[in-house]
Amino acid sequence: MSNTNQSEIILLIAPFTNQHGQGRVSERVKEIICDNFNAITFSTHITGSFYLKSLKSLFLIFRVMFFIHTTSKRYKCIKVYFTPSRNFLGSIKDLIILINIYFLKKITKKRFYLFAHIHGSSLNKFLNSNIYGNFCKKLYIKCKTKFIILSLIHKN
């Protein structure tokens, strides 16, 4: 870690795998960030039956929340890089992360920075599809989320 700053940490939440494009991009981001900064990773690439994936996802959410709460006491600045989900079930993870960070920002006055890396054009459609999507969209805005968009096709 050549550029490590002990007052800040980067949390990477993404599907780290070589099985699809989003996973390969996430793997590359992980290499770059972890080689140069103080970072910890949580992979959202979960395999198995529906029930096993559900249990593993629930466990992942608790691990991420525990990490965010404990690190908010140790670090002045927490940067969260994640890949937003584009469907209802996957977005529950995003919603829980966003709600926690929103309230932690208010309570602790710590600096939280969110970076959402968009893969695919269906997130905008999902966020504008119903009341739940609209609520998530407003939460992204309230958390001052910065979106990483690598294609003009996905910008809208």
Protein backbone atom coordinates (compact mmCIF):
# COMPACT_ATOMS: atom_id res chain seq x y z
CA MET A 1 0.00 0.00 0.00
CA SER A 2 1.98 2.92 -1.25
CA ASN A 3 -0.52 5.72 -0.69
CA THR A 4 -2.05 4.58 2.60
CA ASN A 5 -3.79 7.19 4.70
CA GLN A 6 -4.62 5.80 8.16
CA SER A 7 -7.37 8.37 8.72
CA GLU A 8 -9.42 6.97 5.84
CA ILE A 9 -10.46 3.59 4.50
CA ILE A 10 -12.06 2.41 1.27
CA LEU A 11 -14.75 -0.25 1.37
CA LEU A 12 -15.24 -2.14 -1.91
CA ILE A 13 -18.57 -3.96 -2.33
CA ALA A 14 -18.81 -5.65 -5.72
CA PRO A 15 -19.06 -9.03 -7.47
CA PHE A 16 -15.38 -10.02 -7.58
CA THR A 17 -15.30 -12.81 -10.17
CA ASN A 18 -13.99 -13.55 -13.64
CA GLN A 19 -17.30 -15.11 -14.71
CA HIS A 20 -18.83 -11.96 -16.25
CA GLY A 21 -17.92 -8.44 -17.39
CA GLN A 22 -19.03 -6.62 -14.26
CA GLY A 23 -17.04 -9.06 -12.14
CA ARG A 24 -13.89 -8.64 -14.26
CA VAL A 25 -14.11 -4.84 -14.00
CA SER A 26 -14.64 -5.17 -10.24
CA GLU A 27 -11.57 -7.43 -9.97
CA ARG A 28 -9.45 -4.82 -11.77
CA VAL A 29 -10.75 -2.00 -9.54
CA LYS A 30 -9.93 -4.14 -6.50
CA GLU A 31 -6.35 -4.68 -7.71
CA ILE A 32 -5.78 -0.97 -8.26
CA ILE A 33 -7.40 0.21 -5.01
CA CYS A 34 -5.97 -2.47 -2.72
CA ASP A 35 -2.44 -1.99 -4.09
CA ASN A 36 -2.52 1.75 -3.39
CA PHE A 37 -4.90 2.45 -0.52
CA ASN A 38 -6.11 1.19 2.86
CA ALA A 39 -9.05 -0.95 1.70
CA ILE A 40 -11.24 -3.92 2.56
CA THR A 41 -13.38 -5.91 0.13
CA PHE A 42 -16.74 -7.68 0.30
CA SER A 43 -17.73 -9.80 -2.69
CA THR A 44 -21.37 -9.79 -3.73
CA HIS A 45 -20.74 -12.68 -6.15
CA ILE A 46 -22.70 -15.43 -4.44
CA THR A 47 -23.44 -18.85 -5.90
CA GLY A 48 -25.67 -21.75 -4.88
CA SER A 49 -29.37 -22.46 -4.61
CA PHE A 50 -31.87 -19.66 -4.05
CA TYR A 51 -32.04 -20.37 -0.31
CA LEU A 52 -28.27 -20.64 0.09
CA LYS A 53 -27.74 -17.41 -1.87
CA SER A 54 -30.38 -15.70 0.28
CA LEU A 55 -28.66 -16.79 3.50
CA LYS A 56 -25.22 -15.80 2.22
CA SER A 57 -26.59 -12.42 1.07
CA LEU A 58 -28.15 -11.78 4.47
CA PHE A 59 -24.87 -12.67 6.17
CA LEU A 60 -23.01 -10.36 3.76
CA ILE A 61 -25.32 -7.46 4.62
CA PHE A 62 -24.69 -7.95 8.36
CA ARG A 63 -20.92 -8.17 7.81
CA VAL A 64 -20.91 -4.96 5.76
CA MET A 65 -23.05 -3.10 8.31
CA PHE A 66 -20.88 -4.30 11.18
CA PHE A 67 -17.79 -3.15 9.32
CA ILE A 68 -19.25 0.28 8.52
CA HIS A 69 -20.34 0.83 12.12
CA THR A 70 -17.03 -0.27 13.64
CA THR A 71 -14.86 1.60 11.16
CA SER A 72 -16.88 4.78 11.57
CA LYS A 73 -15.40 4.92 15.09
CA ARG A 74 -11.79 4.46 13.92
CA TYR A 75 -11.57 6.44 10.69
CA LYS A 76 -12.33 10.07 9.91
CA CYS A 77 -13.27 9.28 6.34
CA ILE A 78 -14.92 6.20 4.84
CA LYS A 79 -15.20 5.81 1.08
CA VAL A 80 -17.60 3.18 -0.19
CA TYR A 81 -17.32 1.87 -3.75
CA PHE A 82 -20.14 -0.45 -4.76
CA THR A 83 -22.00 -1.73 -7.78
CA PRO A 84 -25.72 -1.00 -7.41
CA SER A 85 -28.20 -3.76 -8.05
CA ARG A 86 -30.70 -3.41 -10.86
CA ASN A 87 -33.48 -5.53 -9.43
CA PHE A 88 -35.69 -5.54 -6.35
CA LEU A 89 -34.06 -8.35 -4.38
CA GLY A 90 -30.51 -7.18 -5.05
CA SER A 91 -31.40 -3.58 -4.29
CA ILE A 92 -32.31 -4.46 -0.70
CA LYS A 93 -28.56 -4.68 0.03
CA ASP A 94 -28.08 -1.23 -1.52
CA LEU A 95 -31.01 0.20 0.43
CA ILE A 96 -29.67 -1.07 3.76
CA ILE A 97 -26.20 0.30 3.02
CA LEU A 98 -27.61 3.67 1.95
CA ILE A 99 -29.89 4.01 4.98
CA ASN A 100 -27.05 3.14 7.37
CA ILE A 101 -24.63 5.56 5.77
CA TYR A 102 -27.25 8.31 5.63
CA PHE A 103 -27.91 8.05 9.38
CA LEU A 104 -24.26 7.56 10.30
CA LYS A 105 -23.39 10.74 8.39
CA LYS A 106 -26.03 12.60 10.40
CA ILE A 107 -25.15 11.09 13.80
CA THR A 108 -21.35 10.88 13.65
CA LYS A 109 -20.57 13.86 11.41
CA LYS A 110 -17.98 11.61 9.75
CA ARG A 111 -17.12 11.97 6.11
CA PHE A 112 -18.69 9.22 4.03
CA TYR A 113 -18.25 9.20 0.27
CA LEU A 114 -20.28 6.83 -1.89
CA PHE A 115 -19.24 5.81 -5.38
CA ALA A 116 -21.74 3.73 -7.31
CA HIS A 117 -20.27 2.05 -10.39
CA ILE A 118 -23.04 1.52 -12.94
CA HIS A 119 -22.87 -1.62 -15.09
CA GLY A 120 -25.75 -1.81 -17.53
CA SER A 121 -28.48 0.64 -18.38
CA SER A 122 -31.34 -0.84 -16.37
CA LEU A 123 -30.60 0.96 -13.05
CA ASN A 124 -32.22 4.21 -14.21
CA LYS A 125 -35.28 2.27 -15.38
CA PHE A 126 -35.45 0.46 -12.03
CA LEU A 127 -35.12 3.70 -10.01
CA ASN A 128 -37.98 5.28 -11.96
CA SER A 129 -40.24 2.21 -12.07
CA ASN A 130 -42.24 2.44 -8.83
CA ILE A 131 -42.46 3.97 -5.33
CA TYR A 132 -39.67 1.73 -3.98
CA GLY A 133 -37.32 2.63 -6.85
CA ASN A 134 -38.14 6.30 -6.40
CA PHE A 135 -37.36 6.04 -2.66
CA CYS A 136 -33.99 4.44 -3.47
CA LYS A 137 -33.27 7.20 -5.98
CA LYS A 138 -33.97 9.90 -3.38
CA LEU A 139 -31.71 8.09 -0.91
CA TYR A 140 -28.88 8.01 -3.47
CA ILE A 141 -29.32 11.76 -3.83
CA LYS A 142 -29.47 12.42 -0.06
CA CYS A 143 -26.27 10.40 0.42
CA LYS A 144 -24.63 12.52 -2.32
CA THR A 145 -23.67 9.41 -4.23
CA LYS A 146 -21.20 9.89 -7.06
CA PHE A 147 -21.97 7.66 -10.03
CA ILE A 148 -19.26 6.11 -12.18
CA ILE A 149 -20.56 5.65 -15.71
CA LEU A 150 -18.21 4.27 -18.34
CA SER A 151 -20.51 4.60 -21.34
CA LEU A 152 -22.60 7.44 -22.73
CA ILE A 153 -25.35 4.88 -23.35
CA HIS A 154 -25.87 4.54 -19.57
CA LYS A 155 -25.65 8.25 -18.71
CA ASN A 156 -29.41 8.92 -18.88
